[in-house]
PDB file of N, CA and C in Angstrom:
ATOM      1  N   UNK A   1     165.842  65.582 207.344  1.00  0.00           N
ATOM      2  CA  UNK A   1     164.997  65.337 206.194  1.00  0.00           C
ATOM      3  C   UNK A   1     164.567  63.868 206.202  1.00  0.00           C
ATOM      4  N   UNK A   2     163.275  63.646 206.065  1.00  0.00           N
ATOM      5  CA  UNK A   2     162.735  62.296 206.067  1.00  0.00           C
ATOM      6  C   UNK A   2     162.555  61.844 204.631  1.00  0.00           C
ATOM      7  N   UNK A   3     163.044  60.674 204.321  1.00  0.00           N
ATOM      8  CA  UNK A   3     162.909  60.116 202.987  1.00  0.00           C
ATOM      9  C   UNK A   3     161.671  59.230 202.941  1.00  0.00           C
ATOM     10  N   UNK A   4     160.767  59.534 202.041  1.00  0.00           N
ATOM     11  CA  UNK A   4     159.524  58.774 201.912  1.00  0.00           C
ATOM     12  C   UNK A   4     159.726  57.713 200.837  1.00  0.00           C
ATOM     13  N   UNK A   5     159.425  56.466 201.177  1.00  0.00           N
ATOM     14  CA  UNK A   5     159.558  55.378 200.212  1.00  0.00           C
ATOM     15  C   UNK A   5     158.423  55.387 199.205  1.00  0.00           C
ATOM     16  N   UNK A   6     158.684  54.833 198.051  1.00  0.00           N
ATOM     17  CA  UNK A   6     157.652  54.745 197.013  1.00  0.00           C
ATOM     18  C   UNK A   6     156.784  53.535 197.283  1.00  0.00           C
ATOM     19  N   UNK A   7     155.500  53.701 197.005  1.00  0.00           N
ATOM     20  CA  UNK A   7     154.565  52.593 197.220  1.00  0.00           C
ATOM     21  C   UNK A   7     154.822  51.503 196.185  1.00  0.00           C
ATOM     22  N   UNK A   8     154.691  50.273 196.600  1.00  0.00           N
ATOM     23  CA  UNK A   8     154.904  49.124 195.715  1.00  0.00           C
ATOM     24  C   UNK A   8     153.584  48.408 195.470  1.00  0.00           C
ATOM     25  N   UNK A   9     153.439  47.906 194.265  1.00  0.00           N
ATOM     26  CA  UNK A   9     152.243  47.146 193.902  1.00  0.00           C
ATOM     27  C   UNK A   9     152.688  46.025 192.976  1.00  0.00           C
ATOM     28  N   UNK A  10     152.460  44.794 193.385  1.00  0.00           N
ATOM     29  CA  UNK A  10     152.886  43.681 192.546  1.00  0.00           C
ATOM     30  C   UNK A  10     152.065  43.650 191.263  1.00  0.00           C
ATOM     31  N   UNK A  11     152.721  43.265 190.189  1.00  0.00           N
ATOM     32  CA  UNK A  11     152.020  43.116 188.915  1.00  0.00           C
ATOM     33  C   UNK A  11     152.769  42.089 188.069  1.00  0.00           C
ATOM     34  N   UNK A  12     152.156  41.714 186.965  1.00  0.00           N
ATOM     35  CA  UNK A  12     152.732  40.684 186.096  1.00  0.00           C
ATOM     36  C   UNK A  12     152.975  41.234 184.692  1.00  0.00           C
ATOM     37  N   UNK A  13     153.213  42.555 184.593  1.00  0.00           N
ATOM     38  CA  UNK A  13     153.407  43.190 183.286  1.00  0.00           C
ATOM     39  C   UNK A  13     154.590  42.577 182.557  1.00  0.00           C
ATOM     40  N   UNK A  14     155.735  42.459 183.233  1.00  0.00           N
ATOM     41  CA  UNK A  14     156.931  41.916 182.580  1.00  0.00           C
ATOM     42  C   UNK A  14     156.697  40.488 182.105  1.00  0.00           C
ATOM     43  N   UNK A  15     156.039  39.689 182.929  1.00  0.00           N
ATOM     44  CA  UNK A  15     155.756  38.299 182.554  1.00  0.00           C
ATOM     45  C   UNK A  15     154.910  38.233 181.282  1.00  0.00           C
ATOM     46  N   UNK A  16     153.833  39.030 181.230  1.00  0.00           N
ATOM     47  CA  UNK A  16     152.975  39.035 180.041  1.00  0.00           C
ATOM     48  C   UNK A  16     153.738  39.565 178.829  1.00  0.00           C
ATOM     49  N   UNK A  17     154.525  40.626 179.027  1.00  0.00           N
ATOM     50  CA  UNK A  17     155.302  41.202 177.920  1.00  0.00           C
ATOM     51  C   UNK A  17     156.300  40.185 177.385  1.00  0.00           C
ATOM     52  N   UNK A  18     156.992  39.502 178.291  1.00  0.00           N
ATOM     53  CA  UNK A  18     157.962  38.485 177.873  1.00  0.00           C
ATOM     54  C   UNK A  18     157.286  37.341 177.124  1.00  0.00           C
ATOM     55  N   UNK A  19     156.121  36.915 177.592  1.00  0.00           N
ATOM     56  CA  UNK A  19     155.396  35.825 176.923  1.00  0.00           C
ATOM     57  C   UNK A  19     154.987  36.199 175.505  1.00  0.00           C
ATOM     58  N   UNK A  20     154.778  37.488 175.262  1.00  0.00           N
ATOM     59  CA  UNK A  20     154.430  37.965 173.927  1.00  0.00           C
ATOM     60  C   UNK A  20     155.667  38.306 173.099  1.00  0.00           C
ATOM     61  N   UNK A  21     156.863  38.077 173.703  1.00  0.00           N
ATOM     62  CA  UNK A  21     158.136  38.396 173.055  1.00  0.00           C
ATOM     63  C   UNK A  21     158.147  39.852 172.589  1.00  0.00           C
ATOM     64  N   UNK A  22     157.710  40.740 173.479  1.00  0.00           N
ATOM     65  CA  UNK A  22     157.598  42.155 173.181  1.00  0.00           C
ATOM     66  C   UNK A  22     158.667  42.910 173.981  1.00  0.00           C
ATOM     67  N   UNK A  23     159.329  43.842 173.340  1.00  0.00           N
ATOM     68  CA  UNK A  23     160.335  44.646 174.039  1.00  0.00           C
ATOM     69  C   UNK A  23     159.638  45.707 174.893  1.00  0.00           C
ATOM     70  N   UNK A  24     160.396  46.258 175.834  1.00  0.00           N
ATOM     71  CA  UNK A  24     159.862  47.352 176.645  1.00  0.00           C
ATOM     72  C   UNK A  24     159.478  48.531 175.754  1.00  0.00           C
ATOM     73  N   UNK A  25     160.329  48.832 174.792  1.00  0.00           N
ATOM     74  CA  UNK A  25     160.072  49.964 173.906  1.00  0.00           C
ATOM     75  C   UNK A  25     158.782  49.754 173.107  1.00  0.00           C
ATOM     76  N   UNK A  26     158.570  48.526 172.644  1.00  0.00           N
ATOM     77  CA  UNK A  26     157.368  48.228 171.864  1.00  0.00           C
ATOM     78  C   UNK A  26     156.109  48.370 172.718  1.00  0.00           C
ATOM     79  N   UNK A  27     156.143  47.823 173.925  1.00  0.00           N
ATOM     80  CA  UNK A  27     154.974  47.941 174.797  1.00  0.00           C
ATOM     81  C   UNK A  27     154.728  49.398 175.174  1.00  0.00           C
ATOM     82  N   UNK A  28     155.782  50.110 175.494  1.00  0.00           N
ATOM     83  CA  UNK A  28     155.629  51.527 175.844  1.00  0.00           C
ATOM     84  C   UNK A  28     155.012  52.300 174.686  1.00  0.00           C
ATOM     85  N   UNK A  29     155.462  52.033 173.483  1.00  0.00           N
ATOM     86  CA  UNK A  29     154.934  52.708 172.297  1.00  0.00           C
ATOM     87  C   UNK A  29     153.461  52.368 172.093  1.00  0.00           C
ATOM     88  N   UNK A  30     153.119  51.078 172.187  1.00  0.00           N
ATOM     89  CA  UNK A  30     151.722  50.655 172.007  1.00  0.00           C
ATOM     90  C   UNK A  30     150.805  51.216 173.082  1.00  0.00           C
ATOM     91  N   UNK A  31     151.332  51.362 174.299  1.00  0.00           N
ATOM     92  CA  UNK A  31     150.530  51.861 175.420  1.00  0.00           C
ATOM     93  C   UNK A  31     150.573  53.392 175.522  1.00  0.00           C
ATOM     94  N   UNK A  32     151.391  54.004 174.686  1.00  0.00           N
ATOM     95  CA  UNK A  32     151.546  55.465 174.694  1.00  0.00           C
ATOM     96  C   UNK A  32     152.021  55.964 176.068  1.00  0.00           C
ATOM     97  N   UNK A  33     153.018  55.258 176.612  1.00  0.00           N
ATOM     98  CA  UNK A  33     153.659  55.667 177.860  1.00  0.00           C
ATOM     99  C   UNK A  33     155.161  55.662 177.613  1.00  0.00           C
ATOM    100  N   UNK A  34     155.915  56.276 178.498  1.00  0.00           N
ATOM    101  CA  UNK A  34     157.366  56.295 178.325  1.00  0.00           C
ATOM    102  C   UNK A  34     157.974  54.973 178.806  1.00  0.00           C
ATOM    103  N   UNK A  35     159.146  54.668 178.290  1.00  0.00           N
ATOM    104  CA  UNK A  35     159.871  53.480 178.734  1.00  0.00           C
ATOM    105  C   UNK A  35     160.201  53.617 180.222  1.00  0.00           C
ATOM    106  N   UNK A  36     160.491  54.839 180.670  1.00  0.00           N
ATOM    107  CA  UNK A  36     160.788  55.064 182.081  1.00  0.00           C
ATOM    108  C   UNK A  36     159.581  54.717 182.952  1.00  0.00           C
ATOM    109  N   UNK A  37     158.396  55.084 182.504  1.00  0.00           N
ATOM    110  CA  UNK A  37     157.183  54.736 183.244  1.00  0.00           C
ATOM    111  C   UNK A  37     157.015  53.227 183.287  1.00  0.00           C
ATOM    112  N   UNK A  38     157.235  52.567 182.162  1.00  0.00           N
ATOM    113  CA  UNK A  38     157.124  51.112 182.116  1.00  0.00           C
ATOM    114  C   UNK A  38     158.148  50.461 183.043  1.00  0.00           C
ATOM    115  N   UNK A  39     159.355  50.981 183.075  1.00  0.00           N
ATOM    116  CA  UNK A  39     160.374  50.455 183.996  1.00  0.00           C
ATOM    117  C   UNK A  39     159.901  50.539 185.438  1.00  0.00           C
ATOM    118  N   UNK A  40     159.338  51.679 185.824  1.00  0.00           N
ATOM    119  CA  UNK A  40     158.848  51.851 187.196  1.00  0.00           C
ATOM    120  C   UNK A  40     157.732  50.856 187.500  1.00  0.00           C
ATOM    121  N   UNK A  41     156.828  50.664 186.556  1.00  0.00           N
ATOM    122  CA  UNK A  41     155.700  49.741 186.761  1.00  0.00           C
ATOM    123  C   UNK A  41     156.217  48.314 186.901  1.00  0.00           C
ATOM    124  N   UNK A  42     157.149  47.922 186.036  1.00  0.00           N
ATOM    125  CA  UNK A  42     157.684  46.562 186.102  1.00  0.00           C
ATOM    126  C   UNK A  42     158.487  46.332 187.380  1.00  0.00           C
ATOM    127  N   UNK A  43     159.020  47.396 187.978  1.00  0.00           N
ATOM    128  CA  UNK A  43     159.702  47.274 189.271  1.00  0.00           C
ATOM    129  C   UNK A  43     158.702  47.181 190.420  1.00  0.00           C
ATOM    130  N   UNK A  44     157.430  47.389 190.112  1.00  0.00           N
ATOM    131  CA  UNK A  44     156.404  47.246 191.136  1.00  0.00           C
ATOM    132  C   UNK A  44     155.902  48.539 191.734  1.00  0.00           C
ATOM    133  N   UNK A  45     156.271  49.671 191.142  1.00  0.00           N
ATOM    134  CA  UNK A  45     155.762  50.935 191.657  1.00  0.00           C
ATOM    135  C   UNK A  45     154.311  51.132 191.216  1.00  0.00           C
ATOM    136  N   UNK A  46     153.552  51.811 192.036  1.00  0.00           N
ATOM    137  CA  UNK A  46     152.132  52.050 191.773  1.00  0.00           C
ATOM    138  C   UNK A  46     151.977  52.959 190.555  1.00  0.00           C
ATOM    139  N   UNK A  47     150.953  52.688 189.744  1.00  0.00           N
ATOM    140  CA  UNK A  47     150.658  53.561 188.606  1.00  0.00           C
ATOM    141  C   UNK A  47     149.168  53.895 188.597  1.00  0.00           C
ATOM    142  N   UNK A  48     148.834  54.895 187.829  1.00  0.00           N
ATOM    143  CA  UNK A  48     147.443  55.343 187.738  1.00  0.00           C
ATOM    144  C   UNK A  48     146.593  54.304 187.012  1.00  0.00           C
ATOM    145  N   UNK A  49     145.307  54.351 187.280  1.00  0.00           N
ATOM    146  CA  UNK A  49     144.356  53.435 186.635  1.00  0.00           C
ATOM    147  C   UNK A  49     144.381  53.642 185.119  1.00  0.00           C
ATOM    148  N   UNK A  50     144.492  54.874 184.679  1.00  0.00           N
ATOM    149  CA  UNK A  50     144.534  55.156 183.247  1.00  0.00           C
ATOM    150  C   UNK A  50     145.738  54.482 182.593  1.00  0.00           C
ATOM    151  N   UNK A  51     146.869  54.493 183.281  1.00  0.00           N
ATOM    152  CA  UNK A  51     148.067  53.840 182.761  1.00  0.00           C
ATOM    153  C   UNK A  51     147.875  52.328 182.727  1.00  0.00           C
ATOM    154  N   UNK A  52     147.240  51.776 183.750  1.00  0.00           N
ATOM    155  CA  UNK A  52     146.937  50.343 183.746  1.00  0.00           C
ATOM    156  C   UNK A  52     146.070  49.991 182.541  1.00  0.00           C
ATOM    157  N   UNK A  53     145.059  50.805 182.268  1.00  0.00           N
ATOM    158  CA  UNK A  53     144.167  50.559 181.135  1.00  0.00           C
ATOM    159  C   UNK A  53     144.942  50.564 179.818  1.00  0.00           C
ATOM    160  N   UNK A  54     145.851  51.520 179.647  1.00  0.00           N
ATOM    161  CA  UNK A  54     146.658  51.602 178.421  1.00  0.00           C
ATOM    162  C   UNK A  54     147.505  50.341 178.243  1.00  0.00           C
ATOM    163  N   UNK A  55     148.085  49.868 179.339  1.00  0.00           N
ATOM    164  CA  UNK A  55     148.919  48.659 179.272  1.00  0.00           C
ATOM    165  C   UNK A  55     148.064  47.443 178.939  1.00  0.00           C
ATOM    166  N   UNK A  56     146.904  47.332 179.569  1.00  0.00           N
ATOM    167  CA  UNK A  56     146.008  46.207 179.271  1.00  0.00           C
ATOM    168  C   UNK A  56     145.641  46.188 177.797  1.00  0.00           C
ATOM    169  N   UNK A  57     145.275  47.340 177.247  1.00  0.00           N
ATOM    170  CA  UNK A  57     144.917  47.417 175.830  1.00  0.00           C
ATOM    171  C   UNK A  57     146.092  47.037 174.937  1.00  0.00           C
ATOM    172  N   UNK A  58     147.289  47.507 175.289  1.00  0.00           N
ATOM    173  CA  UNK A  58     148.475  47.203 174.487  1.00  0.00           C
ATOM    174  C   UNK A  58     148.824  45.716 174.525  1.00  0.00           C
ATOM    175  N   UNK A  59     148.483  45.050 175.629  1.00  0.00           N
ATOM    176  CA  UNK A  59     148.741  43.609 175.767  1.00  0.00           C
ATOM    177  C   UNK A  59     147.552  42.764 175.310  1.00  0.00           C
ATOM    178  N   UNK A  60     146.510  43.417 174.791  1.00  0.00           N
ATOM    179  CA  UNK A  60     145.288  42.740 174.337  1.00  0.00           C
ATOM    180  C   UNK A  60     144.606  41.952 175.455  1.00  0.00           C
ATOM    181  N   UNK A  61     144.564  42.552 176.628  1.00  0.00           N
ATOM    182  CA  UNK A  61     143.892  41.948 177.777  1.00  0.00           C
ATOM    183  C   UNK A  61     142.654  42.779 178.078  1.00  0.00           C
ATOM    184  N   UNK A  62     141.523  42.120 178.248  1.00  0.00           N
ATOM    185  CA  UNK A  62     140.279  42.827 178.547  1.00  0.00           C
ATOM    186  C   UNK A  62     140.366  43.476 179.918  1.00  0.00           C
ATOM    187  N   UNK A  63     139.722  44.634 180.039  1.00  0.00           N
ATOM    188  CA  UNK A  63     139.715  45.346 181.315  1.00  0.00           C
ATOM    189  C   UNK A  63     139.126  44.457 182.411  1.00  0.00           C
ATOM    190  N   UNK A  64     138.155  43.631 182.051  1.00  0.00           N
ATOM    191  CA  UNK A  64     137.540  42.727 183.033  1.00  0.00           C
ATOM    192  C   UNK A  64     138.548  41.728 183.600  1.00  0.00           C
ATOM    193  N   UNK A  65     139.621  41.480 182.851  1.00  0.00           N
ATOM    194  CA  UNK A  65     140.648  40.523 183.266  1.00  0.00           C
ATOM    195  C   UNK A  65     141.879  41.210 183.855  1.00  0.00           C
ATOM    196  N   UNK A  66     141.739  42.464 184.274  1.00  0.00           N
ATOM    197  CA  UNK A  66     142.892  43.232 184.759  1.00  0.00           C
ATOM    198  C   UNK A  66     143.598  42.585 185.937  1.00  0.00           C
ATOM    199  N   UNK A  67     142.853  41.801 186.746  1.00  0.00           N
ATOM    200  CA  UNK A  67     143.481  41.156 187.903  1.00  0.00           C
ATOM    201  C   UNK A  67     144.527  40.126 187.508  1.00  0.00           C
ATOM    202  N   UNK A  68     144.522  39.689 186.252  1.00  0.00           N
ATOM    203  CA  UNK A  68     145.550  38.751 185.780  1.00  0.00           C
ATOM    204  C   UNK A  68     146.914  39.443 185.714  1.00  0.00           C
ATOM    205  N   UNK A  69     146.906  40.750 185.469  1.00  0.00           N
ATOM    206  CA  UNK A  69     148.146  41.512 185.355  1.00  0.00           C
ATOM    207  C   UNK A  69     148.372  42.398 186.566  1.00  0.00           C
ATOM    208  N   UNK A  70     147.310  43.015 187.042  1.00  0.00           N
ATOM    209  CA  UNK A  70     147.390  43.916 188.202  1.00  0.00           C
ATOM    210  C   UNK A  70     146.532  43.355 189.328  1.00  0.00           C
ATOM    211  N   UNK A  71     147.020  42.307 190.013  1.00  0.00           N
ATOM    212  CA  UNK A  71     146.228  41.696 191.074  1.00  0.00           C
ATOM    213  C   UNK A  71     146.003  42.651 192.244  1.00  0.00           C
ATOM    214  N   UNK A  72     144.837  42.546 192.845  1.00  0.00           N
ATOM    215  CA  UNK A  72     144.534  43.339 194.026  1.00  0.00           C
ATOM    216  C   UNK A  72     145.137  42.646 195.231  1.00  0.00           C
ATOM    217  N   UNK A  73     145.894  43.384 196.016  1.00  0.00           N
ATOM    218  CA  UNK A  73     146.535  42.795 197.188  1.00  0.00           C
ATOM    219  C   UNK A  73     145.567  42.634 198.334  1.00  0.00           C
TER     220      UNK A  73
END
C-alpha cells in the first residue's frame, strides 16, 4: 500500500488571526468552517478557493489582497 502525502501550501492565516487576537473557534465561526478545517489550513494543507474566500472575509481582507494571506508559490 502506497501512502500519498497531503499537498502543502504556505499561508499566513495564523499570523493574521493572532494579530487580530482572534481564537481559532472565533475565526472558524466567522468563516463558517470547522475548527478542524482551520487547523489543517494553518498547518499548511491546501484548501479550496471558496474556503480561502470565507477566511479572507472573516479576517476583513479584500479578495484583491489574498496574496497577503495565501501567497502564490
